[in-house]
Amino acid sequence: MKITAGVDEVGRGSLIGPVFAAAVILKKTINPKLLKDSKSLTKKKREYLSNYIKNNSIWSLGKASVKEIENLNILQASLLAMRRAIKKLKKKPSLILIDGDKIPELRNYNLKSVIQGDKKVPSISAASIIAKVSRDKFITTLSKKNKGYHWDKNFGYGTKQHLKAIKKLGITKHHRKTFSPISKVSTYNI
């Protein structure tokens, strides 16, 4: 039987925290019409669908830390997070569809890139939803320990509010120091 997995990552453009990737093998019980790109869904719908997907699929998460992002670069760290997610799947897929135009190097796996796959392929949409909800929860927890940056609203992206907070409060150990404008800031709040 041919088993296909979808893989997507989230958090590449954020100024803080790890990049997350999810790998998902959908079971036949899932309704693929419900699955869309995570960015096109409301927070409430994403959270509902994340639970629905988790209960009706084989899934896994992979992460790459801030240190790995700084050492490798964001693209290589994203591919590392994808590799980790794929390897953690409880079943080995015959085909793995990756969102975007870059695929991680992984021996003995059949990988194929799909541009805008999160909009076209239900298993990739499912992976985008799980990755986004998982990372958002992680960043929301970080936000409670790092008040003033409003990460629970901007999730570490370079919004005016976040950039203003960086000027006022400095950067934290969660900021990606190789990312602009973080690389230009000299005040640390650790």
C-alpha atoms as a PDB file:
ATOM      1  CA  MET A   1       0.000   0.000   0.000  1.00  0.00           C
ATOM      2  CA  LYS A   2       1.321   3.442  -0.978  1.00  0.00           C
ATOM      3  CA  ILE A   3       1.665   5.798   2.003  1.00  0.00           C
ATOM      4  CA  THR A   4       2.098   9.516   1.312  1.00  0.00           C
ATOM      5  CA  ALA A   5       3.173  12.116   3.853  1.00  0.00           C
ATOM      6  CA  GLY A   6       2.968  15.878   3.610  1.00  0.00           C
ATOM      7  CA  VAL A   7       5.582  18.137   5.219  1.00  0.00           C
ATOM      8  CA  ASP A   8       5.624  21.863   5.919  1.00  0.00           C
ATOM      9  CA  GLU A   9       7.491  24.258   8.187  1.00  0.00           C
ATOM     10  CA  VAL A  10       6.568  27.439  10.005  1.00  0.00           C
ATOM     11  CA  GLY A  11       8.477  30.292  11.597  1.00  0.00           C
ATOM     12  CA  ARG A  12      11.133  30.988   8.981  1.00  0.00           C
ATOM     13  CA  GLY A  13      10.501  34.731   8.933  1.00  0.00           C
ATOM     14  CA  SER A  14      10.120  35.172  12.681  1.00  0.00           C
ATOM     15  CA  LEU A  15      12.803  37.048  14.606  1.00  0.00           C
ATOM     16  CA  ILE A  16      12.575  34.658  17.560  1.00  0.00           C
ATOM     17  CA  GLY A  17      12.429  31.035  18.557  1.00  0.00           C
ATOM     18  CA  PRO A  18      12.830  27.749  16.759  1.00  0.00           C
ATOM     19  CA  VAL A  19      11.510  26.859  13.328  1.00  0.00           C
ATOM     20  CA  PHE A  20       8.930  24.032  13.483  1.00  0.00           C
ATOM     21  CA  ALA A  21       8.099  21.403  10.852  1.00  0.00           C
ATOM     22  CA  ALA A  22       5.357  18.795  10.811  1.00  0.00           C
ATOM     23  CA  ALA A  23       5.008  15.583   8.820  1.00  0.00           C
ATOM     24  CA  VAL A  24       1.535  14.114   8.362  1.00  0.00           C
ATOM     25  CA  ILE A  25       0.169  10.878   6.916  1.00  0.00           C
ATOM     26  CA  LEU A  26      -3.599  11.280   6.625  1.00  0.00           C
ATOM     27  CA  LYS A  27      -5.889   8.372   7.430  1.00  0.00           C
ATOM     28  CA  LYS A  28      -8.830   7.615   5.150  1.00  0.00           C
ATOM     29  CA  THR A  29     -11.250   8.849   7.836  1.00  0.00           C
ATOM     30  CA  ILE A  30     -10.197  12.489   7.369  1.00  0.00           C
ATOM     31  CA  ASN A  31     -12.168  14.904   5.195  1.00  0.00           C
ATOM     32  CA  PRO A  32      -9.537  16.497   2.902  1.00  0.00           C
ATOM     33  CA  LYS A  33     -11.952  19.315   1.944  1.00  0.00           C
ATOM     34  CA  LEU A  34     -11.543  20.773   5.453  1.00  0.00           C
ATOM     35  CA  LEU A  35      -7.784  21.149   5.047  1.00  0.00           C
ATOM     36  CA  LYS A  36      -6.402  24.454   3.826  1.00  0.00           C
ATOM     37  CA  ASP A  37      -3.180  26.432   4.162  1.00  0.00           C
ATOM     38  CA  SER A  38      -2.852  27.381   7.850  1.00  0.00           C
ATOM     39  CA  LYS A  39      -2.338  31.061   6.966  1.00  0.00           C
ATOM     40  CA  SER A  40      -5.820  31.231   5.422  1.00  0.00           C
ATOM     41  CA  LEU A  41      -7.586  29.988   8.576  1.00  0.00           C
ATOM     42  CA  THR A  42      -8.637  31.768  11.760  1.00  0.00           C
ATOM     43  CA  LYS A  43      -6.818  30.867  14.978  1.00  0.00           C
ATOM     44  CA  LYS A  44      -9.912  29.092  16.306  1.00  0.00           C
ATOM     45  CA  LYS A  45     -10.369  27.061  13.092  1.00  0.00           C
ATOM     46  CA  ARG A  46      -6.651  26.148  13.018  1.00  0.00           C
ATOM     47  CA  GLU A  47      -6.766  24.890  16.604  1.00  0.00           C
ATOM     48  CA  TYR A  48      -9.909  22.849  15.924  1.00  0.00           C
ATOM     49  CA  LEU A  49      -8.388  21.364  12.750  1.00  0.00           C
ATOM     50  CA  SER A  50      -5.066  20.647  14.459  1.00  0.00           C
ATOM     51  CA  ASN A  51      -6.870  18.407  16.982  1.00  0.00           C
ATOM     52  CA  TYR A  52      -8.974  16.853  14.214  1.00  0.00           C
ATOM     53  CA  ILE A  53      -5.843  16.083  12.153  1.00  0.00           C
ATOM     54  CA  LYS A  54      -3.945  14.686  15.150  1.00  0.00           C
ATOM     55  CA  ASN A  55      -6.858  12.321  15.866  1.00  0.00           C
ATOM     56  CA  ASN A  56      -7.131  11.204  12.218  1.00  0.00           C
ATOM     57  CA  SER A  57      -3.541  10.852  11.064  1.00  0.00           C
ATOM     58  CA  ILE A  58      -0.031   9.754  11.845  1.00  0.00           C
ATOM     59  CA  TRP A  59       1.940  12.894  12.563  1.00  0.00           C
ATOM     60  CA  SER A  60       5.167  14.164  14.049  1.00  0.00           C
ATOM     61  CA  LEU A  61       6.947  17.424  14.781  1.00  0.00           C
ATOM     62  CA  GLY A  62      10.530  18.487  14.237  1.00  0.00           C
ATOM     63  CA  LYS A  63      12.265  21.662  15.403  1.00  0.00           C
ATOM     64  CA  ALA A  64      15.502  23.500  14.826  1.00  0.00           C
ATOM     65  CA  SER A  65      16.672  25.751  17.656  1.00  0.00           C
ATOM     66  CA  VAL A  66      17.713  29.403  17.538  1.00  0.00           C
ATOM     67  CA  LYS A  67      21.351  28.254  17.895  1.00  0.00           C
ATOM     68  CA  GLU A  68      20.936  25.876  14.917  1.00  0.00           C
ATOM     69  CA  ILE A  69      19.292  28.655  12.864  1.00  0.00           C
ATOM     70  CA  GLU A  70      22.213  30.973  13.659  1.00  0.00           C
ATOM     71  CA  ASN A  71      24.831  28.299  12.891  1.00  0.00           C
ATOM     72  CA  LEU A  72      23.281  26.842   9.724  1.00  0.00           C
ATOM     73  CA  ASN A  73      21.073  29.662   8.304  1.00  0.00           C
ATOM     74  CA  ILE A  74      17.279  29.639   8.244  1.00  0.00           C
ATOM     75  CA  LEU A  75      16.900  27.528   5.082  1.00  0.00           C
ATOM     76  CA  GLN A  76      19.210  24.751   6.328  1.00  0.00           C
ATOM     77  CA  ALA A  77      17.585  24.875   9.784  1.00  0.00           C
ATOM     78  CA  SER A  78      14.128  24.531   8.170  1.00  0.00           C
ATOM     79  CA  LEU A  79      15.327  21.506   6.204  1.00  0.00           C
ATOM     80  CA  LEU A  80      16.796  20.058   9.426  1.00  0.00           C
ATOM     81  CA  ALA A  81      13.441  20.488  11.203  1.00  0.00           C
ATOM     82  CA  MET A  82      11.741  18.725   8.263  1.00  0.00           C
ATOM     83  CA  ARG A  83      14.232  15.822   8.400  1.00  0.00           C
ATOM     84  CA  ARG A  84      13.568  15.442  12.117  1.00  0.00           C
ATOM     85  CA  ALA A  85       9.784  15.430  11.578  1.00  0.00           C
ATOM     86  CA  ILE A  86      10.030  12.843   8.781  1.00  0.00           C
ATOM     87  CA  LYS A  87      12.294  10.532  10.795  1.00  0.00           C
ATOM     88  CA  LYS A  88       9.940  10.669  13.795  1.00  0.00           C
ATOM     89  CA  LEU A  89       6.933   9.358  11.822  1.00  0.00           C
ATOM     90  CA  LYS A  90       5.806   5.969  13.157  1.00  0.00           C
ATOM     91  CA  LYS A  91       5.355   4.652   9.581  1.00  0.00           C
ATOM     92  CA  LYS A  92       7.770   5.173   6.720  1.00  0.00           C
ATOM     93  CA  PRO A  93       5.971   6.821   3.777  1.00  0.00           C
ATOM     94  CA  SER A  94       6.522   5.655   0.198  1.00  0.00           C
ATOM     95  CA  LEU A  95       6.338   9.284  -0.946  1.00  0.00           C
ATOM     96  CA  ILE A  96       6.932  12.521   0.950  1.00  0.00           C
ATOM     97  CA  LEU A  97       5.569  15.764  -0.481  1.00  0.00           C
ATOM     98  CA  ILE A  98       7.370  18.861   0.768  1.00  0.00           C
ATOM     99  CA  ASP A  99       5.926  22.372   0.565  1.00  0.00           C
ATOM    100  CA  GLY A 100       8.115  24.746  -1.463  1.00  0.00           C
ATOM    101  CA  ASP A 101      10.984  24.290  -3.876  1.00  0.00           C
ATOM    102  CA  LYS A 102      13.654  22.900  -1.533  1.00  0.00           C
ATOM    103  CA  ILE A 103      13.781  19.391  -0.116  1.00  0.00           C
ATOM    104  CA  PRO A 104      15.864  18.045   2.750  1.00  0.00           C
ATOM    105  CA  GLU A 105      18.566  15.489   2.021  1.00  0.00           C
ATOM    106  CA  LEU A 106      17.372  12.183   3.393  1.00  0.00           C
ATOM    107  CA  ARG A 107      18.669   8.807   2.267  1.00  0.00           C
ATOM    108  CA  ASN A 108      16.252   5.992   1.471  1.00  0.00           C
ATOM    109  CA  TYR A 109      13.246   8.316   1.271  1.00  0.00           C
ATOM    110  CA  ASN A 110      11.327   9.381  -1.838  1.00  0.00           C
ATOM    111  CA  LEU A 111      10.898  13.164  -1.533  1.00  0.00           C
ATOM    112  CA  LYS A 112       9.259  15.580  -3.936  1.00  0.00           C
ATOM    113  CA  SER A 113       8.816  19.354  -3.665  1.00  0.00           C
ATOM    114  CA  VAL A 114       5.442  20.956  -4.385  1.00  0.00           C
ATOM    115  CA  ILE A 115       5.370  24.720  -4.880  1.00  0.00           C
ATOM    116  CA  GLN A 116       2.423  26.128  -2.896  1.00  0.00           C
ATOM    117  CA  GLY A 117       1.766  22.603  -1.681  1.00  0.00           C
ATOM    118  CA  ASP A 118       0.067  23.935   1.451  1.00  0.00           C
ATOM    119  CA  LYS A 119      -2.713  25.213  -0.841  1.00  0.00           C
ATOM    120  CA  LYS A 120      -2.852  22.157  -3.153  1.00  0.00           C
ATOM    121  CA  VAL A 121      -2.088  18.984  -1.180  1.00  0.00           C
ATOM    122  CA  PRO A 122      -4.259  18.057   1.851  1.00  0.00           C
ATOM    123  CA  SER A 123      -1.435  16.296   3.747  1.00  0.00           C
ATOM    124  CA  ILE A 124       0.818  19.352   3.330  1.00  0.00           C
ATOM    125  CA  SER A 125      -2.063  21.618   4.458  1.00  0.00           C
ATOM    126  CA  ALA A 126      -2.463  19.354   7.496  1.00  0.00           C
ATOM    127  CA  ALA A 127       1.265  19.629   8.229  1.00  0.00           C
ATOM    128  CA  SER A 128       1.110  23.429   7.935  1.00  0.00           C
ATOM    129  CA  ILE A 129      -1.786  23.520  10.431  1.00  0.00           C
ATOM    130  CA  ILE A 130      -0.103  21.277  13.024  1.00  0.00           C
ATOM    131  CA  ALA A 131       3.232  23.114  12.689  1.00  0.00           C
ATOM    132  CA  LYS A 132       1.597  26.556  13.014  1.00  0.00           C
ATOM    133  CA  VAL A 133      -0.579  25.664  16.018  1.00  0.00           C
ATOM    134  CA  SER A 134       2.350  23.932  17.757  1.00  0.00           C
ATOM    135  CA  ARG A 135       4.743  26.841  17.208  1.00  0.00           C
ATOM    136  CA  ASP A 136       2.118  29.444  18.178  1.00  0.00           C
ATOM    137  CA  LYS A 137       1.538  27.630  21.495  1.00  0.00           C
ATOM    138  CA  PHE A 138       5.291  27.446  22.101  1.00  0.00           C
ATOM    139  CA  ILE A 139       5.751  31.177  21.357  1.00  0.00           C
ATOM    140  CA  THR A 140       2.729  32.108  23.509  1.00  0.00           C
ATOM    141  CA  THR A 141       4.393  30.308  26.444  1.00  0.00           C
ATOM    142  CA  LEU A 142       7.645  32.222  25.753  1.00  0.00           C
ATOM    143  CA  SER A 143       5.638  35.440  25.680  1.00  0.00           C
ATOM    144  CA  LYS A 144       4.462  34.917  29.269  1.00  0.00           C
ATOM    145  CA  LYS A 145       8.091  34.785  30.428  1.00  0.00           C
ATOM    146  CA  ASN A 146       9.211  37.710  28.228  1.00  0.00           C
ATOM    147  CA  LYS A 147       6.673  40.461  28.839  1.00  0.00           C
ATOM    148  CA  GLY A 148       6.554  43.581  26.711  1.00  0.00           C
ATOM    149  CA  TYR A 149       7.389  42.004  23.341  1.00  0.00           C
ATOM    150  CA  HIS A 150       3.765  40.947  22.635  1.00  0.00           C
ATOM    151  CA  TRP A 151       4.851  37.625  21.142  1.00  0.00           C
ATOM    152  CA  ASP A 152       1.418  36.203  21.957  1.00  0.00           C
ATOM    153  CA  LYS A 153       0.115  38.531  19.213  1.00  0.00           C
ATOM    154  CA  ASN A 154       3.030  38.920  16.748  1.00  0.00           C
ATOM    155  CA  PHE A 155       4.635  35.454  17.280  1.00  0.00           C
ATOM    156  CA  GLY A 156       8.052  37.030  16.958  1.00  0.00           C
ATOM    157  CA  TYR A 157       7.567  38.511  13.503  1.00  0.00           C
ATOM    158  CA  GLY A 158       8.982  41.982  12.835  1.00  0.00           C
ATOM    159  CA  THR A 159       5.824  43.990  13.501  1.00  0.00           C
ATOM    160  CA  LYS A 160       6.066  47.668  14.503  1.00  0.00           C
ATOM    161  CA  GLN A 161       5.039  46.653  18.029  1.00  0.00           C
ATOM    162  CA  HIS A 162       7.792  44.016  18.305  1.00  0.00           C
ATOM    163  CA  LEU A 163      10.487  46.301  16.821  1.00  0.00           C
ATOM    164  CA  LYS A 164       9.472  49.087  19.223  1.00  0.00           C
ATOM    165  CA  ALA A 165       9.770  46.640  22.158  1.00  0.00           C
ATOM    166  CA  ILE A 166      13.253  45.578  20.978  1.00  0.00           C
ATOM    167  CA  LYS A 167      14.380  49.239  20.954  1.00  0.00           C
ATOM    168  CA  LYS A 168      12.971  49.742  24.441  1.00  0.00           C
ATOM    169  CA  LEU A 169      13.807  46.391  26.100  1.00  0.00           C
ATOM    170  CA  GLY A 170      16.716  45.020  24.050  1.00  0.00           C
ATOM    171  CA  ILE A 171      16.979  41.497  22.687  1.00  0.00           C
ATOM    172  CA  THR A 172      16.584  38.195  24.507  1.00  0.00           C
ATOM    173  CA  LYS A 173      18.226  34.790  24.198  1.00  0.00           C
ATOM    174  CA  HIS A 174      15.202  33.825  22.074  1.00  0.00           C
ATOM    175  CA  HIS A 175      15.992  36.384  19.354  1.00  0.00           C
ATOM    176  CA  ARG A 176      17.812  35.159  16.250  1.00  0.00           C
ATOM    177  CA  LYS A 177      20.961  37.257  16.437  1.00  0.00           C
ATOM    178  CA  THR A 178      21.917  36.699  12.787  1.00  0.00           C
ATOM    179  CA  PHE A 179      18.585  38.148  11.585  1.00  0.00           C
ATOM    180  CA  SER A 180      18.218  41.784  10.599  1.00  0.00           C
ATOM    181  CA  PRO A 181      17.400  44.051  12.451  1.00  0.00           C
ATOM    182  CA  ILE A 182      18.425  41.959  15.503  1.00  0.00           C
ATOM    183  CA  SER A 183      22.021  41.750  14.258  1.00  0.00           C
ATOM    184  CA  LYS A 184      22.243  45.551  14.544  1.00  0.00           C
ATOM    185  CA  VAL A 185      20.985  45.752  18.152  1.00  0.00           C
ATOM    186  CA  SER A 186      23.618  45.882  20.861  1.00  0.00           C
ATOM    187  CA  THR A 187      21.452  45.794  24.009  1.00  0.00           C
ATOM    188  CA  TYR A 188      20.688  42.397  25.477  1.00  0.00           C
ATOM    189  CA  ASN A 189      17.917  41.632  27.936  1.00  0.00           C
ATOM    190  CA  ILE A 190      18.843  38.107  29.021  1.00  0.00           C
END
